[in-house]
Amino acid sequence: MDELSLVCAQEQVPADVLGRCERDWCCLMLHGPIPFQSTGILLRILQPLAAAGIGIFAISTFDTDYVLVKEASREAAIAALVDDGHRVVDRN
């Protein structure tokens, strides 16, 4: 294995790795569970974000997919998804 990524709340990042972490992400959770045989689900979410020039970090678990966007892009990401016909429920 060449690398390992750990994802956690930024407040939990140990002080000795502060220079090697990405901060200020917000998490968009896709409503699931999404069956493994389903295809194109994540693509359908990522296309409007890519068209809006919004970078992402995607995480998939057994039951749910998550798309992380930088906090500065949060409102633009939500607008892009809504404009594409997605329903966004804000659960701050």
PDB file of N, CA and C in Angstrom:
ATOM      1  N   MET A   1       0.846  -1.167   0.000  1.00  0.00           N
ATOM      2  CA  MET A   1       0.000   0.000   0.000  1.00  0.00           C
ATOM      3  C   MET A   1       0.897   1.236   0.000  1.00  0.00           C
ATOM      4  N   ASP A   2       0.565   2.181  -0.884  1.00  0.00           N
ATOM      5  CA  ASP A   2       1.377   3.385  -1.009  1.00  0.00           C
ATOM      6  C   ASP A   2       0.924   4.543  -0.137  1.00  0.00           C
ATOM      7  N   GLU A   3      -0.346   4.540   0.241  1.00  0.00           N
ATOM      8  CA  GLU A   3      -0.830   5.635   1.066  1.00  0.00           C
ATOM      9  C   GLU A   3      -2.039   5.189   1.878  1.00  0.00           C
ATOM     10  N   LEU A   4      -2.360   5.998   2.847  1.00  0.00           N
ATOM     11  CA  LEU A   4      -3.502   5.729   3.703  1.00  0.00           C
ATOM     12  C   LEU A   4      -4.163   7.068   4.000  1.00  0.00           C
ATOM     13  N   SER A   5      -5.470   7.133   3.791  1.00  0.00           N
ATOM     14  CA  SER A   5      -6.222   8.350   4.107  1.00  0.00           C
ATOM     15  C   SER A   5      -7.123   8.079   5.298  1.00  0.00           C
ATOM     16  N   LEU A   6      -7.104   8.976   6.249  1.00  0.00           N
ATOM     17  CA  LEU A   6      -7.984   8.901   7.411  1.00  0.00           C
ATOM     18  C   LEU A   6      -8.933  10.087   7.340  1.00  0.00           C
ATOM     19  N   VAL A   7     -10.185   9.843   7.616  1.00  0.00           N
ATOM     20  CA  VAL A   7     -11.188  10.901   7.594  1.00  0.00           C
ATOM     21  C   VAL A   7     -11.773  11.019   8.993  1.00  0.00           C
ATOM     22  N   CYS A   8     -11.736  12.235   9.519  1.00  0.00           N
ATOM     23  CA  CYS A   8     -12.280  12.475  10.850  1.00  0.00           C
ATOM     24  C   CYS A   8     -12.641  13.948  10.966  1.00  0.00           C
ATOM     25  N   ALA A   9     -13.319  14.281  12.039  1.00  0.00           N
ATOM     26  CA  ALA A   9     -13.607  15.693  12.307  1.00  0.00           C
ATOM     27  C   ALA A   9     -12.281  16.431  12.448  1.00  0.00           C
ATOM     28  N   GLN A  10     -12.181  17.614  11.856  1.00  0.00           N
ATOM     29  CA  GLN A  10     -10.896  18.305  11.860  1.00  0.00           C
ATOM     30  C   GLN A  10     -10.416  18.653  13.261  1.00  0.00           C
ATOM     31  N   GLU A  11     -11.343  18.753  14.211  1.00  0.00           N
ATOM     32  CA  GLU A  11     -10.941  19.015  15.592  1.00  0.00           C
ATOM     33  C   GLU A  11     -10.190  17.831  16.201  1.00  0.00           C
ATOM     34  N   GLN A  12     -10.321  16.663  15.599  1.00  0.00           N
ATOM     35  CA  GLN A  12      -9.682  15.450  16.109  1.00  0.00           C
ATOM     36  C   GLN A  12      -8.300  15.191  15.500  1.00  0.00           C
ATOM     37  N   VAL A  13      -7.871  16.023  14.563  1.00  0.00           N
ATOM     38  CA  VAL A  13      -6.568  15.817  13.920  1.00  0.00           C
ATOM     39  C   VAL A  13      -5.460  16.122  14.920  1.00  0.00           C
ATOM     40  N   PRO A  14      -4.571  15.165  15.163  1.00  0.00           N
ATOM     41  CA  PRO A  14      -3.463  15.412  16.094  1.00  0.00           C
ATOM     42  C   PRO A  14      -2.573  16.572  15.619  1.00  0.00           C
ATOM     43  N   ALA A  15      -2.034  17.308  16.543  1.00  0.00           N
ATOM     44  CA  ALA A  15      -1.225  18.486  16.232  1.00  0.00           C
ATOM     45  C   ALA A  15      -0.030  18.163  15.335  1.00  0.00           C
ATOM     46  N   ASP A  16       0.534  16.959  15.455  1.00  0.00           N
ATOM     47  CA  ASP A  16       1.733  16.643  14.670  1.00  0.00           C
ATOM     48  C   ASP A  16       1.436  16.318  13.205  1.00  0.00           C
ATOM     49  N   VAL A  17       0.176  16.295  12.790  1.00  0.00           N
ATOM     50  CA  VAL A  17      -0.141  16.069  11.374  1.00  0.00           C
ATOM     51  C   VAL A  17      -0.874  17.259  10.758  1.00  0.00           C
ATOM     52  N   LEU A  18      -0.920  18.369  11.455  1.00  0.00           N
ATOM     53  CA  LEU A  18      -1.669  19.521  10.966  1.00  0.00           C
ATOM     54  C   LEU A  18      -1.227  19.977   9.585  1.00  0.00           C
ATOM     55  N   GLY A  19       0.037  19.882   9.266  1.00  0.00           N
ATOM     56  CA  GLY A  19       0.522  20.310   7.956  1.00  0.00           C
ATOM     57  C   GLY A  19       0.191  19.341   6.840  1.00  0.00           C
ATOM     58  N   ARG A  20      -0.282  18.146   7.183  1.00  0.00           N
ATOM     59  CA  ARG A  20      -0.560  17.130   6.168  1.00  0.00           C
ATOM     60  C   ARG A  20      -2.034  16.773   6.110  1.00  0.00           C
ATOM     61  N   CYS A  21      -2.899  17.707   6.440  1.00  0.00           N
ATOM     62  CA  CYS A  21      -4.325  17.399   6.401  1.00  0.00           C
ATOM     63  C   CYS A  21      -5.062  18.453   5.593  1.00  0.00           C
ATOM     64  N   GLU A  22      -6.187  18.053   5.079  1.00  0.00           N
ATOM     65  CA  GLU A  22      -7.078  18.968   4.367  1.00  0.00           C
ATOM     66  C   GLU A  22      -8.184  19.364   5.334  1.00  0.00           C
ATOM     67  N   ARG A  23      -8.443  20.629   5.457  1.00  0.00           N
ATOM     68  CA  ARG A  23      -9.451  21.123   6.389  1.00  0.00           C
ATOM     69  C   ARG A  23     -10.627  21.748   5.645  1.00  0.00           C
ATOM     70  N   ASP A  24     -11.669  22.013   6.407  1.00  0.00           N
ATOM     71  CA  ASP A  24     -12.824  22.781   5.944  1.00  0.00           C
ATOM     72  C   ASP A  24     -13.639  22.085   4.862  1.00  0.00           C
ATOM     73  N   TRP A  25     -13.907  20.802   5.076  1.00  0.00           N
ATOM     74  CA  TRP A  25     -14.806  20.053   4.212  1.00  0.00           C
ATOM     75  C   TRP A  25     -16.191  20.020   4.860  1.00  0.00           C
ATOM     76  N   CYS A  26     -17.222  19.948   4.041  1.00  0.00           N
ATOM     77  CA  CYS A  26     -18.560  19.654   4.568  1.00  0.00           C
ATOM     78  C   CYS A  26     -19.054  18.407   3.851  1.00  0.00           C
ATOM     79  N   CYS A  27     -19.910  17.687   4.500  1.00  0.00           N
ATOM     80  CA  CYS A  27     -20.312  16.364   4.044  1.00  0.00           C
ATOM     81  C   CYS A  27     -21.749  16.369   3.531  1.00  0.00           C
ATOM     82  N   LEU A  28     -21.931  15.843   2.333  1.00  0.00           N
ATOM     83  CA  LEU A  28     -23.257  15.623   1.767  1.00  0.00           C
ATOM     84  C   LEU A  28     -23.483  14.122   1.741  1.00  0.00           C
ATOM     85  N   MET A  29     -24.496  13.674   2.430  1.00  0.00           N
ATOM     86  CA  MET A  29     -24.786  12.244   2.511  1.00  0.00           C
ATOM     87  C   MET A  29     -25.870  11.886   1.501  1.00  0.00           C
ATOM     88  N   LEU A  30     -25.620  10.882   0.686  1.00  0.00           N
ATOM     89  CA  LEU A  30     -26.623  10.409  -0.259  1.00  0.00           C
ATOM     90  C   LEU A  30     -27.572   9.490   0.474  1.00  0.00           C
ATOM     91  N   HIS A  31     -28.851   9.670   0.217  1.00  0.00           N
ATOM     92  CA  HIS A  31     -29.848   8.829   0.874  1.00  0.00           C
ATOM     93  C   HIS A  31     -29.655   7.381   0.442  1.00  0.00           C
ATOM     94  N   GLY A  32     -29.533   6.486   1.387  1.00  0.00           N
ATOM     95  CA  GLY A  32     -29.295   5.085   1.094  1.00  0.00           C
ATOM     96  C   GLY A  32     -30.148   4.209   1.974  1.00  0.00           C
ATOM     97  N   PRO A  33     -29.890   2.950   2.034  1.00  0.00           N
ATOM     98  CA  PRO A  33     -28.755   2.291   1.378  1.00  0.00           C
ATOM     99  C   PRO A  33     -28.953   2.180  -0.133  1.00  0.00           C
ATOM    100  N   ILE A  34     -27.824   2.168  -0.828  1.00  0.00           N
ATOM    101  CA  ILE A  34     -27.815   2.047  -2.277  1.00  0.00           C
ATOM    102  C   ILE A  34     -27.337   0.638  -2.605  1.00  0.00           C
ATOM    103  N   PRO A  35     -28.168  -0.163  -3.257  1.00  0.00           N
ATOM    104  CA  PRO A  35     -27.764  -1.540  -3.584  1.00  0.00           C
ATOM    105  C   PRO A  35     -26.499  -1.565  -4.445  1.00  0.00           C
ATOM    106  N   PHE A  36     -25.634  -2.536  -4.199  1.00  0.00           N
ATOM    107  CA  PHE A  36     -24.377  -2.634  -4.930  1.00  0.00           C
ATOM    108  C   PHE A  36     -24.580  -2.790  -6.430  1.00  0.00           C
ATOM    109  N   GLN A  37     -25.676  -3.404  -6.848  1.00  0.00           N
ATOM    110  CA  GLN A  37     -25.897  -3.609  -8.270  1.00  0.00           C
ATOM    111  C   GLN A  37     -26.373  -2.337  -8.981  1.00  0.00           C
ATOM    112  N   SER A  38     -26.712  -1.296  -8.227  1.00  0.00           N
ATOM    113  CA  SER A  38     -27.098  -0.016  -8.832  1.00  0.00           C
ATOM    114  C   SER A  38     -25.868   0.638  -9.434  1.00  0.00           C
ATOM    115  N   THR A  39     -26.029   1.200 -10.616  1.00  0.00           N
ATOM    116  CA  THR A  39     -24.903   1.850 -11.285  1.00  0.00           C
ATOM    117  C   THR A  39     -25.244   3.294 -11.608  1.00  0.00           C
ATOM    118  N   GLY A  40     -24.231   4.137 -11.616  1.00  0.00           N
ATOM    119  CA  GLY A  40     -24.395   5.518 -12.023  1.00  0.00           C
ATOM    120  C   GLY A  40     -24.936   6.463 -10.974  1.00  0.00           C
ATOM    121  N   ILE A  41     -25.180   5.978  -9.770  1.00  0.00           N
ATOM    122  CA  ILE A  41     -25.749   6.830  -8.722  1.00  0.00           C
ATOM    123  C   ILE A  41     -24.793   7.967  -8.365  1.00  0.00           C
ATOM    124  N   LEU A  42     -23.575   7.627  -8.057  1.00  0.00           N
ATOM    125  CA  LEU A  42     -22.593   8.641  -7.688  1.00  0.00           C
ATOM    126  C   LEU A  42     -22.305   9.560  -8.875  1.00  0.00           C
ATOM    127  N   LEU A  43     -22.245   9.010 -10.062  1.00  0.00           N
ATOM    128  CA  LEU A  43     -22.014   9.809 -11.268  1.00  0.00           C
ATOM    129  C   LEU A  43     -23.090  10.876 -11.427  1.00  0.00           C
ATOM    130  N   ARG A  44     -24.330  10.511 -11.154  1.00  0.00           N
ATOM    131  CA  ARG A  44     -25.461  11.446 -11.284  1.00  0.00           C
ATOM    132  C   ARG A  44     -25.302  12.627 -10.331  1.00  0.00           C
ATOM    133  N   ILE A  45     -24.678  12.412  -9.193  1.00  0.00           N
ATOM    134  CA  ILE A  45     -24.421  13.489  -8.238  1.00  0.00           C
ATOM    135  C   ILE A  45     -23.191  14.302  -8.650  1.00  0.00           C
ATOM    136  N   LEU A  46     -22.175  13.613  -9.131  1.00  0.00           N
ATOM    137  CA  LEU A  46     -20.912  14.290  -9.433  1.00  0.00           C
ATOM    138  C   LEU A  46     -20.957  15.135 -10.701  1.00  0.00           C
ATOM    139  N   GLN A  47     -21.776  14.767 -11.677  1.00  0.00           N
ATOM    140  CA  GLN A  47     -21.821  15.519 -12.931  1.00  0.00           C
ATOM    141  C   GLN A  47     -22.192  16.989 -12.735  1.00  0.00           C
ATOM    142  N   PRO A  48     -23.265  17.312 -12.013  1.00  0.00           N
ATOM    143  CA  PRO A  48     -23.562  18.739 -11.841  1.00  0.00           C
ATOM    144  C   PRO A  48     -22.506  19.470 -11.012  1.00  0.00           C
ATOM    145  N   LEU A  49     -21.872  18.770 -10.090  1.00  0.00           N
ATOM    146  CA  LEU A  49     -20.808  19.400  -9.309  1.00  0.00           C
ATOM    147  C   LEU A  49     -19.597  19.690 -10.200  1.00  0.00           C
ATOM    148  N   ALA A  50     -19.244  18.748 -11.050  1.00  0.00           N
ATOM    149  CA  ALA A  50     -18.129  18.958 -11.985  1.00  0.00           C
ATOM    150  C   ALA A  50     -18.441  20.098 -12.946  1.00  0.00           C
ATOM    151  N   ALA A  51     -19.679  20.143 -13.447  1.00  0.00           N
ATOM    152  CA  ALA A  51     -20.078  21.207 -14.364  1.00  0.00           C
ATOM    153  C   ALA A  51     -19.989  22.581 -13.702  1.00  0.00           C
ATOM    154  N   ALA A  52     -20.185  22.621 -12.382  1.00  0.00           N
ATOM    155  CA  ALA A  52     -20.094  23.870 -11.622  1.00  0.00           C
ATOM    156  C   ALA A  52     -18.666  24.161 -11.167  1.00  0.00           C
ATOM    157  N   GLY A  53     -17.721  23.286 -11.514  1.00  0.00           N
ATOM    158  CA  GLY A  53     -16.321  23.493 -11.136  1.00  0.00           C
ATOM    159  C   GLY A  53     -16.038  23.229  -9.669  1.00  0.00           C
ATOM    160  N   ILE A  54     -16.827  22.351  -9.066  1.00  0.00           N
ATOM    161  CA  ILE A  54     -16.684  22.062  -7.631  1.00  0.00           C
ATOM    162  C   ILE A  54     -15.949  20.740  -7.448  1.00  0.00           C
ATOM    163  N   GLY A  55     -14.812  20.792  -6.786  1.00  0.00           N
ATOM    164  CA  GLY A  55     -14.042  19.592  -6.489  1.00  0.00           C
ATOM    165  C   GLY A  55     -14.692  18.799  -5.365  1.00  0.00           C
ATOM    166  N   ILE A  56     -14.481  17.500  -5.372  1.00  0.00           N
ATOM    167  CA  ILE A  56     -15.122  16.630  -4.374  1.00  0.00           C
ATOM    168  C   ILE A  56     -14.131  15.630  -3.816  1.00  0.00           C
ATOM    169  N   PHE A  57     -14.523  15.031  -2.714  1.00  0.00           N
ATOM    170  CA  PHE A  57     -13.863  13.868  -2.141  1.00  0.00           C
ATOM    171  C   PHE A  57     -14.988  12.900  -1.828  1.00  0.00           C
ATOM    172  N   ALA A  58     -15.029  11.756  -2.480  1.00  0.00           N
ATOM    173  CA  ALA A  58     -16.122  10.797  -2.309  1.00  0.00           C
ATOM    174  C   ALA A  58     -15.697   9.656  -1.390  1.00  0.00           C
ATOM    175  N   ILE A  59     -16.628   9.245  -0.554  1.00  0.00           N
ATOM    176  CA  ILE A  59     -16.419   8.116   0.351  1.00  0.00           C
ATOM    177  C   ILE A  59     -17.639   7.207   0.234  1.00  0.00           C
ATOM    178  N   SER A  60     -17.399   5.936   0.035  1.00  0.00           N
ATOM    179  CA  SER A  60     -18.487   4.969  -0.011  1.00  0.00           C
ATOM    180  C   SER A  60     -18.329   3.975   1.124  1.00  0.00           C
ATOM    181  N   THR A  61     -19.427   3.703   1.804  1.00  0.00           N
ATOM    182  CA  THR A  61     -19.442   2.690   2.847  1.00  0.00           C
ATOM    183  C   THR A  61     -20.404   1.591   2.417  1.00  0.00           C
ATOM    184  N   PHE A  62     -20.622   0.638   3.252  1.00  0.00           N
ATOM    185  CA  PHE A  62     -21.515  -0.465   2.908  1.00  0.00           C
ATOM    186  C   PHE A  62     -22.934   0.029   2.638  1.00  0.00           C
ATOM    187  N   ASP A  63     -23.425   0.959   3.446  1.00  0.00           N
ATOM    188  CA  ASP A  63     -24.812   1.424   3.333  1.00  0.00           C
ATOM    189  C   ASP A  63     -24.987   2.768   2.639  1.00  0.00           C
ATOM    190  N   THR A  64     -23.983   3.604   2.647  1.00  0.00           N
ATOM    191  CA  THR A  64     -24.176   4.994   2.245  1.00  0.00           C
ATOM    192  C   THR A  64     -22.979   5.512   1.471  1.00  0.00           C
ATOM    193  N   ASP A  65     -23.246   6.471   0.584  1.00  0.00           N
ATOM    194  CA  ASP A  65     -22.182   7.205  -0.100  1.00  0.00           C
ATOM    195  C   ASP A  65     -22.190   8.636   0.424  1.00  0.00           C
ATOM    196  N   TYR A  66     -21.013   9.205   0.516  1.00  0.00           N
ATOM    197  CA  TYR A  66     -20.849  10.575   0.980  1.00  0.00           C
ATOM    198  C   TYR A  66     -20.038  11.335  -0.056  1.00  0.00           C
ATOM    199  N   VAL A  67     -20.397  12.589  -0.259  1.00  0.00           N
ATOM    200  CA  VAL A  67     -19.624  13.475  -1.115  1.00  0.00           C
ATOM    201  C   VAL A  67     -19.217  14.659  -0.249  1.00  0.00           C
ATOM    202  N   LEU A  68     -17.932  14.877  -0.138  1.00  0.00           N
ATOM    203  CA  LEU A  68     -17.426  16.003   0.630  1.00  0.00           C
ATOM    204  C   LEU A  68     -17.018  17.100  -0.334  1.00  0.00           C
ATOM    205  N   VAL A  69     -17.404  18.327  -0.007  1.00  0.00           N
ATOM    206  CA  VAL A  69     -17.001  19.501  -0.774  1.00  0.00           C
ATOM    207  C   VAL A  69     -16.403  20.495   0.212  1.00  0.00           C
ATOM    208  N   LYS A  70     -15.573  21.359  -0.276  1.00  0.00           N
ATOM    209  CA  LYS A  70     -15.004  22.377   0.600  1.00  0.00           C
ATOM    210  C   LYS A  70     -16.119  23.285   1.098  1.00  0.00           C
ATOM    211  N   GLU A  71     -16.023  23.679   2.355  1.00  0.00           N
ATOM    212  CA  GLU A  71     -17.043  24.523   2.973  1.00  0.00           C
ATOM    213  C   GLU A  71     -17.316  25.778   2.137  1.00  0.00           C
ATOM    214  N   ALA A  72     -16.295  26.343   1.528  1.00  0.00           N
ATOM    215  CA  ALA A  72     -16.458  27.547   0.706  1.00  0.00           C
ATOM    216  C   ALA A  72     -17.324  27.281  -0.529  1.00  0.00           C
ATOM    217  N   SER A  73     -17.438  26.014  -0.944  1.00  0.00           N
ATOM    218  CA  SER A  73     -18.234  25.644  -2.117  1.00  0.00           C
ATOM    219  C   SER A  73     -19.592  25.059  -1.751  1.00  0.00           C
ATOM    220  N   ARG A  74     -19.902  25.015  -0.473  1.00  0.00           N
ATOM    221  CA  ARG A  74     -21.118  24.333  -0.006  1.00  0.00           C
ATOM    222  C   ARG A  74     -22.384  24.868  -0.669  1.00  0.00           C
ATOM    223  N   GLU A  75     -22.595  26.168  -0.623  1.00  0.00           N
ATOM    224  CA  GLU A  75     -23.817  26.743  -1.190  1.00  0.00           C
ATOM    225  C   GLU A  75     -23.881  26.535  -2.697  1.00  0.00           C
ATOM    226  N   ALA A  76     -22.754  26.684  -3.380  1.00  0.00           N
ATOM    227  CA  ALA A  76     -22.726  26.468  -4.832  1.00  0.00           C
ATOM    228  C   ALA A  76     -23.002  25.007  -5.160  1.00  0.00           C
ATOM    229  N   ALA A  77     -22.501  24.090  -4.339  1.00  0.00           N
ATOM    230  CA  ALA A  77     -22.742  22.658  -4.562  1.00  0.00           C
ATOM    231  C   ALA A  77     -24.225  22.335  -4.388  1.00  0.00           C
ATOM    232  N   ILE A  78     -24.828  22.865  -3.352  1.00  0.00           N
ATOM    233  CA  ILE A  78     -26.251  22.624  -3.120  1.00  0.00           C
ATOM    234  C   ILE A  78     -27.067  23.215  -4.268  1.00  0.00           C
ATOM    235  N   ALA A  79     -26.735  24.424  -4.695  1.00  0.00           N
ATOM    236  CA  ALA A  79     -27.458  25.053  -5.807  1.00  0.00           C
ATOM    237  C   ALA A  79     -27.326  24.221  -7.078  1.00  0.00           C
ATOM    238  N   ALA A  80     -26.126  23.713  -7.362  1.00  0.00           N
ATOM    239  CA  ALA A  80     -25.915  22.895  -8.557  1.00  0.00           C
ATOM    240  C   ALA A  80     -26.740  21.620  -8.502  1.00  0.00           C
ATOM    241  N   LEU A  81     -26.810  21.002  -7.342  1.00  0.00           N
ATOM    242  CA  LEU A  81     -27.592  19.774  -7.195  1.00  0.00           C
ATOM    243  C   LEU A  81     -29.089  20.048  -7.324  1.00  0.00           C
ATOM    244  N   VAL A  82     -29.557  21.108  -6.690  1.00  0.00           N
ATOM    245  CA  VAL A  82     -30.983  21.464  -6.776  1.00  0.00           C
ATOM    246  C   VAL A  82     -31.349  21.818  -8.218  1.00  0.00           C
ATOM    247  N   ASP A  83     -30.497  22.590  -8.883  1.00  0.00           N
ATOM    248  CA  ASP A  83     -30.745  22.957 -10.288  1.00  0.00           C
ATOM    249  C   ASP A  83     -30.809  21.728 -11.185  1.00  0.00           C
ATOM    250  N   ASP A  84     -30.124  20.652 -10.781  1.00  0.00           N
ATOM    251  CA  ASP A  84     -30.121  19.418 -11.567  1.00  0.00           C
ATOM    252  C   ASP A  84     -31.285  18.494 -11.195  1.00  0.00           C
ATOM    253  N   GLY A  85     -32.127  18.935 -10.263  1.00  0.00           N
ATOM    254  CA  GLY A  85     -33.304  18.154  -9.916  1.00  0.00           C
ATOM    255  C   GLY A  85     -33.181  17.309  -8.667  1.00  0.00           C
ATOM    256  N   HIS A  86     -32.074  17.430  -7.951  1.00  0.00           N
ATOM    257  CA  HIS A  86     -31.902  16.673  -6.714  1.00  0.00           C
ATOM    258  C   HIS A  86     -32.577  17.403  -5.558  1.00  0.00           C
ATOM    259  N   ARG A  87     -33.027  16.652  -4.598  1.00  0.00           N
ATOM    260  CA  ARG A  87     -33.611  17.217  -3.376  1.00  0.00           C
ATOM    261  C   ARG A  87     -32.526  17.193  -2.309  1.00  0.00           C
ATOM    262  N   VAL A  88     -32.269  18.335  -1.707  1.00  0.00           N
ATOM    263  CA  VAL A  88     -31.246  18.452  -0.675  1.00  0.00           C
ATOM    264  C   VAL A  88     -31.937  18.786   0.644  1.00  0.00           C
ATOM    265  N   VAL A  89     -31.669  17.978   1.645  1.00  0.00           N
ATOM    266  CA  VAL A  89     -32.209  18.199   2.984  1.00  0.00           C
ATOM    267  C   VAL A  89     -31.053  18.633   3.860  1.00  0.00           C
ATOM    268  N   ASP A  90     -31.125  19.812   4.409  1.00  0.00           N
ATOM    269  CA  ASP A  90     -30.040  20.343   5.244  1.00  0.00           C
ATOM    270  C   ASP A  90     -30.256  19.885   6.680  1.00  0.00           C
ATOM    271  N   ARG A  91     -29.274  19.190   7.208  1.00  0.00           N
ATOM    272  CA  ARG A  91     -29.353  18.686   8.584  1.00  0.00           C
ATOM    273  C   ARG A  91     -28.210  19.188   9.435  1.00  0.00           C
ATOM    274  N   ASN A  92     -27.887  20.451   9.326  1.00  0.00           N
ATOM    275  CA  ASN A  92     -26.765  20.991  10.094  1.00  0.00           C
ATOM    276  C   ASN A  92     -26.810  20.458  11.448  1.00  0.00           C
TER     277      ASN A  92
END
